[in-house]
PDB file of N, CA and C in Angstrom:
ATOM      1  N   MET A   1     103.924 140.637 112.542  1.00  0.00           N
ATOM      2  CA  MET A   1     102.630 141.242 112.347  1.00  0.00           C
ATOM      3  C   MET A   1     101.689 140.225 111.724  1.00  0.00           C
ATOM      4  N   LEU A   2     100.442 140.247 112.166  1.00  0.00           N
ATOM      5  CA  LEU A   2      99.416 139.410 111.544  1.00  0.00           C
ATOM      6  C   LEU A   2      98.821 140.151 110.357  1.00  0.00           C
ATOM      7  N   VAL A   3      98.498 139.426 109.307  1.00  0.00           N
ATOM      8  CA  VAL A   3      97.954 140.010 108.086  1.00  0.00           C
ATOM      9  C   VAL A   3      96.522 139.531 107.909  1.00  0.00           C
ATOM     10  N   GLY A   4      95.660 140.440 107.491  1.00  0.00           N
ATOM     11  CA  GLY A   4      94.294 140.064 107.167  1.00  0.00           C
ATOM     12  C   GLY A   4      93.430 139.828 108.383  1.00  0.00           C
ATOM     13  N   SER A   5      92.368 139.079 108.160  1.00  0.00           N
ATOM     14  CA  SER A   5      91.433 138.771 109.237  1.00  0.00           C
ATOM     15  C   SER A   5      90.968 137.333 109.067  1.00  0.00           C
ATOM     16  N   GLY A   6      90.283 136.838 110.069  1.00  0.00           N
ATOM     17  CA  GLY A   6      89.796 135.465 110.004  1.00  0.00           C
ATOM     18  C   GLY A   6      90.596 134.547 110.892  1.00  0.00           C
ATOM     19  N   GLY A   7      90.312 133.263 110.793  1.00  0.00           N
ATOM     20  CA  GLY A   7      90.921 132.276 111.660  1.00  0.00           C
ATOM     21  C   GLY A   7      92.361 131.942 111.325  1.00  0.00           C
ATOM     22  N   ARG A   8      92.712 131.925 110.072  1.00  0.00           N
ATOM     23  CA  ARG A   8      94.086 131.579 109.662  1.00  0.00           C
ATOM     24  C   ARG A   8      94.716 132.812 109.027  1.00  0.00           C
ATOM     25  N   ARG A   9      95.576 133.468 109.796  1.00  0.00           N
ATOM     26  CA  ARG A   9      96.164 134.721 109.333  1.00  0.00           C
ATOM     27  C   ARG A   9      97.672 134.574 109.139  1.00  0.00           C
ATOM     28  N   PRO A  10      98.179 134.971 107.977  1.00  0.00           N
ATOM     29  CA  PRO A  10      99.620 134.937 107.746  1.00  0.00           C
ATOM     30  C   PRO A  10     100.356 135.865 108.714  1.00  0.00           C
ATOM     31  N   VAL A  11     101.639 135.554 108.944  1.00  0.00           N
ATOM     32  CA  VAL A  11     102.491 136.353 109.818  1.00  0.00           C
ATOM     33  C   VAL A  11     103.646 136.896 108.997  1.00  0.00           C
ATOM     34  N   VAL A  12     103.871 138.206 109.059  1.00  0.00           N
ATOM     35  CA  VAL A  12     105.001 138.817 108.369  1.00  0.00           C
ATOM     36  C   VAL A  12     105.974 139.382 109.398  1.00  0.00           C
ATOM     37  N   TYR A  13     107.231 139.385 109.015  1.00  0.00           N
ATOM     38  CA  TYR A  13     108.300 139.936 109.833  1.00  0.00           C
ATOM     39  C   TYR A  13     108.626 141.317 109.300  1.00  0.00           C
ATOM     40  N   VAL A  14     108.766 142.282 110.209  1.00  0.00           N
ATOM     41  CA  VAL A  14     109.140 143.646 109.858  1.00  0.00           C
ATOM     42  C   VAL A  14     110.444 143.942 110.588  1.00  0.00           C
ATOM     43  N   GLY A  15     111.550 143.948 109.856  1.00  0.00           N
ATOM     44  CA  GLY A  15     112.856 144.158 110.469  1.00  0.00           C
ATOM     45  C   GLY A  15     113.183 145.626 110.650  1.00  0.00           C
ATOM     46  N   SER A  16     114.010 145.903 111.633  1.00  0.00           N
ATOM     47  CA  SER A  16     114.398 147.280 111.936  1.00  0.00           C
ATOM     48  C   SER A  16     115.378 147.851 110.922  1.00  0.00           C
ATOM     49  N   GLU A  17     115.967 146.999 110.101  1.00  0.00           N
ATOM     50  CA  GLU A  17     116.945 147.447 109.111  1.00  0.00           C
ATOM     51  C   GLU A  17     116.382 147.457 107.689  1.00  0.00           C
ATOM     52  N   GLY A  18     115.055 147.445 107.563  1.00  0.00           N
ATOM     53  CA  GLY A  18     114.433 147.538 106.246  1.00  0.00           C
ATOM     54  C   GLY A  18     114.228 146.221 105.534  1.00  0.00           C
ATOM     55  N   GLU A  19     114.331 145.095 106.249  1.00  0.00           N
ATOM     56  CA  GLU A  19     114.077 143.793 105.648  1.00  0.00           C
ATOM     57  C   GLU A  19     112.779 143.241 106.221  1.00  0.00           C
ATOM     58  N   GLY A  20     112.123 142.422 105.432  1.00  0.00           N
ATOM     59  CA  GLY A  20     110.887 141.835 105.927  1.00  0.00           C
ATOM     60  C   GLY A  20     110.226 140.969 104.887  1.00  0.00           C
ATOM     61  N   GLY A  21     109.189 140.284 105.344  1.00  0.00           N
ATOM     62  CA  GLY A  21     108.443 139.426 104.451  1.00  0.00           C
ATOM     63  C   GLY A  21     107.655 138.392 105.216  1.00  0.00           C
ATOM     64  N   LEU A  22     107.012 137.545 104.480  1.00  0.00           N
ATOM     65  CA  LEU A  22     106.173 136.505 105.053  1.00  0.00           C
ATOM     66  C   LEU A  22     107.039 135.491 105.803  1.00  0.00           C
ATOM     67  N   VAL A  23     106.594 135.134 107.010  1.00  0.00           N
ATOM     68  CA  VAL A  23     107.284 134.147 107.840  1.00  0.00           C
ATOM     69  C   VAL A  23     106.539 132.821 107.806  1.00  0.00           C
ATOM     70  N   GLY A  24     105.233 132.876 107.848  1.00  0.00           N
ATOM     71  CA  GLY A  24     104.438 131.659 107.839  1.00  0.00           C
ATOM     72  C   GLY A  24     102.982 131.961 107.616  1.00  0.00           C
ATOM     73  N   MET A  25     102.227 130.909 107.340  1.00  0.00           N
ATOM     74  CA  MET A  25     100.810 131.090 107.048  1.00  0.00           C
ATOM     75  C   MET A  25      99.920 130.942 108.272  1.00  0.00           C
ATOM     76  N   SER A  26     100.524 130.800 109.460  1.00  0.00           N
ATOM     77  CA  SER A  26      99.702 130.719 110.671  1.00  0.00           C
ATOM     78  C   SER A  26     100.455 131.292 111.854  1.00  0.00           C
ATOM     79  N   ILE A  27      99.709 131.708 112.844  1.00  0.00           N
ATOM     80  CA  ILE A  27     100.289 132.266 114.058  1.00  0.00           C
ATOM     81  C   ILE A  27     101.110 131.218 114.808  1.00  0.00           C
ATOM     82  N   ARG A  28     100.872 129.981 114.573  1.00  0.00           N
ATOM     83  CA  ARG A  28     101.609 128.906 115.245  1.00  0.00           C
ATOM     84  C   ARG A  28     103.036 128.765 114.710  1.00  0.00           C
ATOM     85  N   ASP A  29     103.239 129.058 113.439  1.00  0.00           N
ATOM     86  CA  ASP A  29     104.569 128.924 112.845  1.00  0.00           C
ATOM     87  C   ASP A  29     105.560 129.941 113.411  1.00  0.00           C
ATOM     88  N   ALA A  30     105.140 131.168 113.597  1.00  0.00           N
ATOM     89  CA  ALA A  30     106.058 132.226 114.033  1.00  0.00           C
ATOM     90  C   ALA A  30     106.714 131.915 115.378  1.00  0.00           C
ATOM     91  N   PRO A  31     105.965 131.594 116.436  1.00  0.00           N
ATOM     92  CA  PRO A  31     106.660 131.289 117.693  1.00  0.00           C
ATOM     93  C   PRO A  31     107.494 130.008 117.610  1.00  0.00           C
ATOM     94  N   ALA A  32     107.092 129.052 116.785  1.00  0.00           N
ATOM     95  CA  ALA A  32     107.903 127.837 116.628  1.00  0.00           C
ATOM     96  C   ALA A  32     109.266 128.190 116.056  1.00  0.00           C
ATOM     97  N   LEU A  33     109.299 129.106 115.110  1.00  0.00           N
ATOM     98  CA  LEU A  33     110.563 129.539 114.514  1.00  0.00           C
ATOM     99  C   LEU A  33     111.393 130.348 115.509  1.00  0.00           C
ATOM    100  N   VAL A  34     110.743 131.259 116.218  1.00  0.00           N
ATOM    101  CA  VAL A  34     111.459 132.103 117.180  1.00  0.00           C
ATOM    102  C   VAL A  34     112.040 131.270 118.318  1.00  0.00           C
ATOM    103  N   VAL A  35     111.276 130.312 118.799  1.00  0.00           N
ATOM    104  CA  VAL A  35     111.744 129.454 119.894  1.00  0.00           C
ATOM    105  C   VAL A  35     112.828 128.491 119.420  1.00  0.00           C
ATOM    106  N   GLY A  36     112.687 127.945 118.239  1.00  0.00           N
ATOM    107  CA  GLY A  36     113.547 126.855 117.807  1.00  0.00           C
ATOM    108  C   GLY A  36     114.782 127.217 117.016  1.00  0.00           C
ATOM    109  N   LEU A  37     114.934 128.476 116.626  1.00  0.00           N
ATOM    110  CA  LEU A  37     116.069 128.874 115.798  1.00  0.00           C
ATOM    111  C   LEU A  37     116.924 129.915 116.509  1.00  0.00           C
ATOM    112  N   PRO A  38     118.200 130.026 116.119  1.00  0.00           N
ATOM    113  CA  PRO A  38     119.026 131.082 116.707  1.00  0.00           C
ATOM    114  C   PRO A  38     118.413 132.465 116.437  1.00  0.00           C
ATOM    115  N   SER A  39     117.931 132.669 115.219  1.00  0.00           N
ATOM    116  CA  SER A  39     117.232 133.900 114.838  1.00  0.00           C
ATOM    117  C   SER A  39     116.644 133.705 113.444  1.00  0.00           C
ATOM    118  N   LEU A  40     115.661 134.524 113.108  1.00  0.00           N
ATOM    119  CA  LEU A  40     115.123 134.492 111.742  1.00  0.00           C
ATOM    120  C   LEU A  40     116.198 134.931 110.753  1.00  0.00           C
ATOM    121  N   TYR A  41     117.025 135.870 111.183  1.00  0.00           N
ATOM    122  CA  TYR A  41     118.123 136.322 110.326  1.00  0.00           C
ATOM    123  C   TYR A  41     119.025 135.143 109.964  1.00  0.00           C
ATOM    124  N   ASP A  42     119.447 134.376 110.974  1.00  0.00           N
ATOM    125  CA  ASP A  42     120.305 133.218 110.700  1.00  0.00           C
ATOM    126  C   ASP A  42     119.603 132.205 109.808  1.00  0.00           C
ATOM    127  N   ALA A  43     118.319 132.007 110.018  1.00  0.00           N
ATOM    128  CA  ALA A  43     117.565 131.004 109.259  1.00  0.00           C
ATOM    129  C   ALA A  43     117.359 131.397 107.802  1.00  0.00           C
ATOM    130  N   THR A  44     117.519 132.677 107.486  1.00  0.00           N
ATOM    131  CA  THR A  44     117.340 133.128 106.102  1.00  0.00           C
ATOM    132  C   THR A  44     118.649 133.648 105.501  1.00  0.00           C
ATOM    133  N   ALA A  45     119.752 133.554 106.244  1.00  0.00           N
ATOM    134  CA  ALA A  45     121.033 134.077 105.783  1.00  0.00           C
ATOM    135  C   ALA A  45     121.691 133.189 104.732  1.00  0.00           C
ATOM    136  N   LYS A  46     121.303 131.932 104.694  1.00  0.00           N
ATOM    137  CA  LYS A  46     121.843 130.985 103.716  1.00  0.00           C
ATOM    138  C   LYS A  46     120.671 130.383 102.943  1.00  0.00           C
ATOM    139  N   PRO A  47     120.888 130.012 101.678  1.00  0.00           N
ATOM    140  CA  PRO A  47     119.795 129.387 100.928  1.00  0.00           C
ATOM    141  C   PRO A  47     119.425 128.026 101.515  1.00  0.00           C
ATOM    142  N   PHE A  48     118.186 127.640 101.331  1.00  0.00           N
ATOM    143  CA  PHE A  48     117.753 126.331 101.811  1.00  0.00           C
ATOM    144  C   PHE A  48     118.430 125.225 101.006  1.00  0.00           C
ATOM    145  N   GLY A  49     118.570 125.430  99.716  1.00  0.00           N
ATOM    146  CA  GLY A  49     119.229 124.423  98.872  1.00  0.00           C
ATOM    147  C   GLY A  49     118.329 123.231  98.614  1.00  0.00           C
ATOM    148  N   ASP A  50     118.931 122.145  98.152  1.00  0.00           N
ATOM    149  CA  ASP A  50     118.174 120.944  97.787  1.00  0.00           C
ATOM    150  C   ASP A  50     117.541 120.255  98.991  1.00  0.00           C
ATOM    151  N   ASP A  51     118.322 120.072 100.042  1.00  0.00           N
ATOM    152  CA  ASP A  51     117.800 119.342 101.204  1.00  0.00           C
ATOM    153  C   ASP A  51     117.935 120.118 102.516  1.00  0.00           C
ATOM    154  N   GLY A  52     118.457 121.322 102.454  1.00  0.00           N
ATOM    155  CA  GLY A  52     118.594 122.139 103.647  1.00  0.00           C
ATOM    156  C   GLY A  52     119.788 121.798 104.523  1.00  0.00           C
ATOM    157  N   SER A  53     120.641 120.885 104.086  1.00  0.00           N
ATOM    158  CA  SER A  53     121.729 120.424 104.953  1.00  0.00           C
ATOM    159  C   SER A  53     122.741 121.532 105.267  1.00  0.00           C
ATOM    160  N   LYS A  54     123.094 122.351 104.292  1.00  0.00           N
ATOM    161  CA  LYS A  54     124.058 123.430 104.549  1.00  0.00           C
ATOM    162  C   LYS A  54     123.454 124.481 105.475  1.00  0.00           C
ATOM    163  N   LEU A  55     122.183 124.774 105.294  1.00  0.00           N
ATOM    164  CA  LEU A  55     121.506 125.715 106.185  1.00  0.00           C
ATOM    165  C   LEU A  55     121.451 125.150 107.601  1.00  0.00           C
ATOM    166  N   ARG A  56     121.148 123.871 107.734  1.00  0.00           N
ATOM    167  CA  ARG A  56     121.098 123.247 109.061  1.00  0.00           C
ATOM    168  C   ARG A  56     122.470 123.264 109.737  1.00  0.00           C
ATOM    169  N   GLU A  57     123.533 123.065 108.963  1.00  0.00           N
ATOM    170  CA  GLU A  57     124.892 123.163 109.514  1.00  0.00           C
ATOM    171  C   GLU A  57     125.162 124.577 110.023  1.00  0.00           C
ATOM    172  N   TRP A  58     124.766 125.565 109.249  1.00  0.00           N
ATOM    173  CA  TRP A  58     124.920 126.974 109.624  1.00  0.00           C
ATOM    174  C   TRP A  58     124.173 127.253 110.938  1.00  0.00           C
ATOM    175  N   LEU A  59     122.950 126.785 111.031  1.00  0.00           N
ATOM    176  CA  LEU A  59     122.146 127.009 112.234  1.00  0.00           C
ATOM    177  C   LEU A  59     122.716 126.264 113.447  1.00  0.00           C
ATOM    178  N   ALA A  60     123.253 125.075 113.216  1.00  0.00           N
ATOM    179  CA  ALA A  60     123.873 124.321 114.314  1.00  0.00           C
ATOM    180  C   ALA A  60     125.082 125.078 114.861  1.00  0.00           C
ATOM    181  N   GLN A  61     125.859 125.695 113.989  1.00  0.00           N
ATOM    182  CA  GLN A  61     127.008 126.483 114.453  1.00  0.00           C
ATOM    183  C   GLN A  61     126.539 127.714 115.219  1.00  0.00           C
ATOM    184  N   ALA A  62     125.499 128.379 114.737  1.00  0.00           N
ATOM    185  CA  ALA A  62     124.962 129.541 115.448  1.00  0.00           C
ATOM    186  C   ALA A  62     124.454 129.138 116.829  1.00  0.00           C
ATOM    187  N   ASP A  63     123.756 128.010 116.906  1.00  0.00           N
ATOM    188  CA  ASP A  63     123.296 127.507 118.211  1.00  0.00           C
ATOM    189  C   ASP A  63     124.482 127.189 119.124  1.00  0.00           C
ATOM    190  N   HIS A  64     125.521 126.585 118.569  1.00  0.00           N
ATOM    191  CA  HIS A  64     126.716 126.265 119.362  1.00  0.00           C
ATOM    192  C   HIS A  64     127.299 127.543 119.975  1.00  0.00           C
ATOM    193  N   ASP A  65     127.366 128.602 119.183  1.00  0.00           N
ATOM    194  CA  ASP A  65     127.890 129.874 119.676  1.00  0.00           C
ATOM    195  C   ASP A  65     127.007 130.445 120.784  1.00  0.00           C
ATOM    196  N   ILE A  66     125.701 130.307 120.645  1.00  0.00           N
ATOM    197  CA  ILE A  66     124.772 130.808 121.665  1.00  0.00           C
ATOM    198  C   ILE A  66     124.938 130.021 122.967  1.00  0.00           C
ATOM    199  N   ARG A  67     125.131 128.715 122.859  1.00  0.00           N
ATOM    200  CA  ARG A  67     125.269 127.864 124.054  1.00  0.00           C
ATOM    201  C   ARG A  67     126.467 128.253 124.914  1.00  0.00           C
ATOM    202  N   ASP A  68     127.471 128.874 124.313  1.00  0.00           N
ATOM    203  CA  ASP A  68     128.612 129.342 125.101  1.00  0.00           C
ATOM    204  C   ASP A  68     128.165 130.301 126.202  1.00  0.00           C
ATOM    205  N   ASP A  69     127.183 131.133 125.905  1.00  0.00           N
ATOM    206  CA  ASP A  69     126.668 132.090 126.883  1.00  0.00           C
ATOM    207  C   ASP A  69     125.366 131.640 127.532  1.00  0.00           C
ATOM    208  N   TRP A  70     124.725 130.641 126.952  1.00  0.00           N
ATOM    209  CA  TRP A  70     123.404 130.210 127.424  1.00  0.00           C
ATOM    210  C   TRP A  70     123.348 128.682 127.388  1.00  0.00           C
ATOM    211  N   PRO A  71     124.032 128.019 128.319  1.00  0.00           N
ATOM    212  CA  PRO A  71     124.121 126.553 128.271  1.00  0.00           C
ATOM    213  C   PRO A  71     122.782 125.841 128.405  1.00  0.00           C
ATOM    214  N   GLN A  72     121.780 126.471 128.968  1.00  0.00           N
ATOM    215  CA  GLN A  72     120.466 125.851 129.139  1.00  0.00           C
ATOM    216  C   GLN A  72     119.541 126.084 127.940  1.00  0.00           C
ATOM    217  N   LEU A  73     120.091 126.524 126.824  1.00  0.00           N
ATOM    218  CA  LEU A  73     119.307 126.829 125.624  1.00  0.00           C
ATOM    219  C   LEU A  73     118.387 125.686 125.214  1.00  0.00           C
ATOM    220  N   ASP A  74     118.924 124.494 125.052  1.00  0.00           N
ATOM    221  CA  ASP A  74     118.112 123.366 124.579  1.00  0.00           C
ATOM    222  C   ASP A  74     117.010 123.011 125.570  1.00  0.00           C
ATOM    223  N   MET A  75     117.329 123.034 126.844  1.00  0.00           N
ATOM    224  CA  MET A  75     116.337 122.717 127.874  1.00  0.00           C
ATOM    225  C   MET A  75     115.195 123.735 127.841  1.00  0.00           C
ATOM    226  N   GLU A  76     115.533 125.007 127.713  1.00  0.00           N
ATOM    227  CA  GLU A  76     114.495 126.041 127.691  1.00  0.00           C
ATOM    228  C   GLU A  76     113.681 125.985 126.402  1.00  0.00           C
ATOM    229  N   ARG A  77     114.324 125.692 125.289  1.00  0.00           N
ATOM    230  CA  ARG A  77     113.570 125.524 124.039  1.00  0.00           C
ATOM    231  C   ARG A  77     112.576 124.373 124.160  1.00  0.00           C
ATOM    232  N   ASP A  78     113.036 123.234 124.693  1.00  0.00           N
ATOM    233  CA  ASP A  78     112.150 122.078 124.861  1.00  0.00           C
ATOM    234  C   ASP A  78     110.980 122.411 125.766  1.00  0.00           C
ATOM    235  N   ARG A  79     111.255 123.119 126.844  1.00  0.00           N
ATOM    236  CA  ARG A  79     110.191 123.500 127.782  1.00  0.00           C
ATOM    237  C   ARG A  79     109.143 124.372 127.090  1.00  0.00           C
ATOM    238  N   LEU A  80     109.590 125.376 126.348  1.00  0.00           N
ATOM    239  CA  LEU A  80     108.654 126.256 125.635  1.00  0.00           C
ATOM    240  C   LEU A  80     107.895 125.512 124.552  1.00  0.00           C
ATOM    241  N   ARG A  81     108.612 124.673 123.801  1.00  0.00           N
ATOM    242  CA  ARG A  81     107.966 123.914 122.726  1.00  0.00           C
ATOM    243  C   ARG A  81     106.843 123.048 123.280  1.00  0.00           C
ATOM    244  N   LYS A  82     107.101 122.386 124.398  1.00  0.00           N
ATOM    245  CA  LYS A  82     106.072 121.537 125.014  1.00  0.00           C
ATOM    246  C   LYS A  82     104.930 122.367 125.585  1.00  0.00           C
ATOM    247  N   ALA A  83     105.263 123.443 126.288  1.00  0.00           N
ATOM    248  CA  ALA A  83     104.239 124.283 126.917  1.00  0.00           C
ATOM    249  C   ALA A  83     103.298 124.905 125.895  1.00  0.00           C
ATOM    250  N   LEU A  84     103.834 125.262 124.737  1.00  0.00           N
ATOM    251  CA  LEU A  84     103.032 125.912 123.690  1.00  0.00           C
ATOM    252  C   LEU A  84     102.591 124.946 122.599  1.00  0.00           C
ATOM    253  N   ASP A  85     102.972 123.679 122.721  1.00  0.00           N
ATOM    254  CA  ASP A  85     102.640 122.651 121.739  1.00  0.00           C
ATOM    255  C   ASP A  85     103.055 123.080 120.326  1.00  0.00           C
ATOM    256  N   LEU A  86     104.348 123.444 120.191  1.00  0.00           N
ATOM    257  CA  LEU A  86     104.873 123.930 118.925  1.00  0.00           C
ATOM    258  C   LEU A  86     105.568 122.819 118.152  1.00  0.00           C
ATOM    259  N   PRO A  87     105.490 122.887 116.840  1.00  0.00           N
ATOM    260  CA  PRO A  87     106.252 121.923 116.032  1.00  0.00           C
ATOM    261  C   PRO A  87     107.730 122.288 116.071  1.00  0.00           C
ATOM    262  N   PRO A  88     108.619 121.334 115.805  1.00  0.00           N
ATOM    263  CA  PRO A  88     110.047 121.657 115.735  1.00  0.00           C
ATOM    264  C   PRO A  88     110.326 122.641 114.607  1.00  0.00           C
ATOM    265  N   ALA A  89     111.165 123.616 114.867  1.00  0.00           N
ATOM    266  CA  ALA A  89     111.486 124.630 113.859  1.00  0.00           C
ATOM    267  C   ALA A  89     112.137 124.015 112.629  1.00  0.00           C
ATOM    268  N   ASP A  90     112.903 122.948 112.811  1.00  0.00           N
ATOM    269  CA  ASP A  90     113.582 122.305 111.694  1.00  0.00           C
ATOM    270  C   ASP A  90     112.590 121.871 110.609  1.00  0.00           C
ATOM    271  N   GLU A  91     111.407 121.467 111.030  1.00  0.00           N
ATOM    272  CA  GLU A  91     110.376 121.047 110.069  1.00  0.00           C
ATOM    273  C   GLU A  91     109.788 122.217 109.290  1.00  0.00           C
ATOM    274  N   LEU A  92     110.055 123.439 109.728  1.00  0.00           N
ATOM    275  CA  LEU A  92     109.463 124.619 109.101  1.00  0.00           C
ATOM    276  C   LEU A  92     110.444 125.400 108.219  1.00  0.00           C
ATOM    277  N   LEU A  93     111.698 124.947 108.145  1.00  0.00           N
ATOM    278  CA  LEU A  93     112.710 125.710 107.404  1.00  0.00           C
ATOM    279  C   LEU A  93     112.381 125.862 105.921  1.00  0.00           C
ATOM    280  N   ALA A  94     111.985 124.792 105.259  1.00  0.00           N
ATOM    281  CA  ALA A  94     111.647 124.883 103.829  1.00  0.00           C
ATOM    282  C   ALA A  94     110.463 125.822 103.625  1.00  0.00           C
ATOM    283  N   ALA A  95     109.461 125.713 104.485  1.00  0.00           N
ATOM    284  CA  ALA A  95     108.282 126.588 104.376  1.00  0.00           C
ATOM    285  C   ALA A  95     108.655 128.046 104.650  1.00  0.00           C
ATOM    286  N   LEU A  96     109.565 128.284 105.600  1.00  0.00           N
ATOM    287  CA  LEU A  96     110.022 129.650 105.878  1.00  0.00           C
ATOM    288  C   LEU A  96     110.673 130.258 104.641  1.00  0.00           C
ATOM    289  N   HIS A  97     111.519 129.513 103.980  1.00  0.00           N
ATOM    290  CA  HIS A  97     112.194 130.043 102.786  1.00  0.00           C
ATOM    291  C   HIS A  97     111.209 130.288 101.644  1.00  0.00           C
ATOM    292  N   ALA A  98     110.260 129.410 101.478  1.00  0.00           N
ATOM    293  CA  ALA A  98     109.239 129.617 100.445  1.00  0.00           C
ATOM    294  C   ALA A  98     108.390 130.838 100.782  1.00  0.00           C
ATOM    295  N   ALA A  99     108.035 130.972 102.043  1.00  0.00           N
ATOM    296  CA  ALA A  99     107.214 132.112 102.469  1.00  0.00           C
ATOM    297  C   ALA A  99     107.974 133.417 102.283  1.00  0.00           C
ATOM    298  N   ALA A 100     109.229 133.453 102.712  1.00  0.00           N
ATOM    299  CA  ALA A 100     110.020 134.681 102.622  1.00  0.00           C
ATOM    300  C   ALA A 100     110.225 135.122 101.176  1.00  0.00           C
ATOM    301  N   ALA A 101     110.173 134.197 100.238  1.00  0.00           N
ATOM    302  CA  ALA A 101     110.331 134.520  98.815  1.00  0.00           C
ATOM    303  C   ALA A 101     109.037 135.010  98.179  1.00  0.00           C
ATOM    304  N   ASP A 102     107.922 134.920  98.889  1.00  0.00           N
ATOM    305  CA  ASP A 102     106.614 135.297  98.347  1.00  0.00           C
ATOM    306  C   ASP A 102     106.502 136.822  98.280  1.00  0.00           C
ATOM    307  N   GLU A 103     106.616 137.353  97.086  1.00  0.00           N
ATOM    308  CA  GLU A 103     106.602 138.808  96.878  1.00  0.00           C
ATOM    309  C   GLU A 103     105.257 139.458  97.201  1.00  0.00           C
ATOM    310  N   ARG A 104     104.197 138.680  97.255  1.00  0.00           N
ATOM    311  CA  ARG A 104     102.890 139.265  97.562  1.00  0.00           C
ATOM    312  C   ARG A 104     102.838 139.829  98.978  1.00  0.00           C
ATOM    313  N   TYR A 105     103.728 139.376  99.828  1.00  0.00           N
ATOM    314  CA  TYR A 105     103.744 139.821 101.220  1.00  0.00           C
ATOM    315  C   TYR A 105     104.928 140.725 101.539  1.00  0.00           C
ATOM    316  N   ARG A 106     105.593 141.269 100.511  1.00  0.00           N
ATOM    317  CA  ARG A 106     106.703 142.176 100.754  1.00  0.00           C
ATOM    318  C   ARG A 106     106.144 143.494 101.273  1.00  0.00           C
ATOM    319  N   LEU A 107     106.678 143.961 102.343  1.00  0.00           N
ATOM    320  CA  LEU A 107     106.178 145.148 103.021  1.00  0.00           C
ATOM    321  C   LEU A 107     106.566 146.427 102.291  1.00  0.00           C
ATOM    322  N   ILE A 108     105.741 147.450 102.486  1.00  0.00           N
ATOM    323  CA  ILE A 108     106.020 148.775 101.937  1.00  0.00           C
ATOM    324  C   ILE A 108     105.950 149.752 103.101  1.00  0.00           C
ATOM    325  N   SER A 109     106.991 150.567 103.247  1.00  0.00           N
ATOM    326  CA  SER A 109     107.066 151.508 104.374  1.00  0.00           C
ATOM    327  C   SER A 109     106.081 152.655 104.194  1.00  0.00           C
ATOM    328  N   ASP A 110     105.932 153.442 105.242  1.00  0.00           N
ATOM    329  CA  ASP A 110     105.080 154.633 105.168  1.00  0.00           C
ATOM    330  C   ASP A 110     105.573 155.602 104.098  1.00  0.00           C
ATOM    331  N   ALA A 111     106.870 155.562 103.824  1.00  0.00           N
ATOM    332  CA  ALA A 111     107.461 156.435 102.809  1.00  0.00           C
ATOM    333  C   ALA A 111     107.320 155.856 101.400  1.00  0.00           C
ATOM    334  N   GLY A 112     106.673 154.681 101.279  1.00  0.00           N
ATOM    335  CA  GLY A 112     106.458 154.068  99.981  1.00  0.00           C
ATOM    336  C   GLY A 112     107.612 153.217  99.487  1.00  0.00           C
ATOM    337  N   GLN A 113     108.595 152.960 100.335  1.00  0.00           N
ATOM    338  CA  GLN A 113     109.731 152.142  99.941  1.00  0.00           C
ATOM    339  C   GLN A 113     109.472 150.678 100.266  1.00  0.00           C
ATOM    340  N   ARG A 114     109.840 149.837  99.333  1.00  0.00           N
ATOM    341  CA  ARG A 114     109.666 148.400  99.493  1.00  0.00           C
ATOM    342  C   ARG A 114     110.759 147.848 100.411  1.00  0.00           C
ATOM    343  N   TYR A 115     110.372 147.027 101.389  1.00  0.00           N
ATOM    344  CA  TYR A 115     111.333 146.369 102.278  1.00  0.00           C
ATOM    345  C   TYR A 115     112.153 145.372 101.473  1.00  0.00           C
ATOM    346  N   ARG A 116     113.400 145.150 101.905  1.00  0.00           N
ATOM    347  CA  ARG A 116     114.268 144.157 101.257  1.00  0.00           C
ATOM    348  C   ARG A 116     113.828 142.763 101.663  1.00  0.00           C
ATOM    349  N   SER A 117     114.147 141.804 100.830  1.00  0.00           N
ATOM    350  CA  SER A 117     113.868 140.406 101.146  1.00  0.00           C
ATOM    351  C   SER A 117     114.686 139.971 102.356  1.00  0.00           C
ATOM    352  N   MET A 118     114.119 139.086 103.160  1.00  0.00           N
ATOM    353  CA  MET A 118     114.853 138.501 104.286  1.00  0.00           C
ATOM    354  C   MET A 118     115.876 137.493 103.790  1.00  0.00           C
ATOM    355  N   LEU A 119     115.688 136.961 102.611  1.00  0.00           N
ATOM    356  CA  LEU A 119     116.588 135.964 102.051  1.00  0.00           C
ATOM    357  C   LEU A 119     117.845 136.653 101.550  1.00  0.00           C
ATOM    358  N   GLN A 120     118.989 136.140 101.913  1.00  0.00           N
ATOM    359  CA  GLN A 120     120.272 136.734 101.543  1.00  0.00           C
ATOM    360  C   GLN A 120     120.719 136.245 100.184  1.00  0.00           C
TER     361      GLN A 120
END
C-alpha cells in the first residue's frame, strides 16, 4: 500500500496473517524487493546483523530451493530488473530492516488491533 500523497510516497506491506509495516520510502523499492528476493517474509525472517551475511546466506538457500521448481528464476529476475530499471534487492536489505522496524508505520486493523512486526 502507498502511504500519504505527493511524489515520494512510502510503501507498507499488509500481510494476510496480521503482520505488516514499512517496506521502503519509495514505490521503486517495493518491486525491487519483490522481484529480487524469495519473499518479503524470508527477507525479514532473520535479523540483518552487522553485515547481513547470515541473512544473505538464508536468502541464498531459499533461492536455491525455489530454483528446484523454477530453474529460470535468475534469468527472469534479470529481465524484470532491466525492464523496470530496478536496483538489486541485495542493496536494499539493510534499508528494508530499518524500515520494517519503524513503528510510525505499523498498521492498525479496522478492529483497532496493531499488526505484528514483519521482523522475526
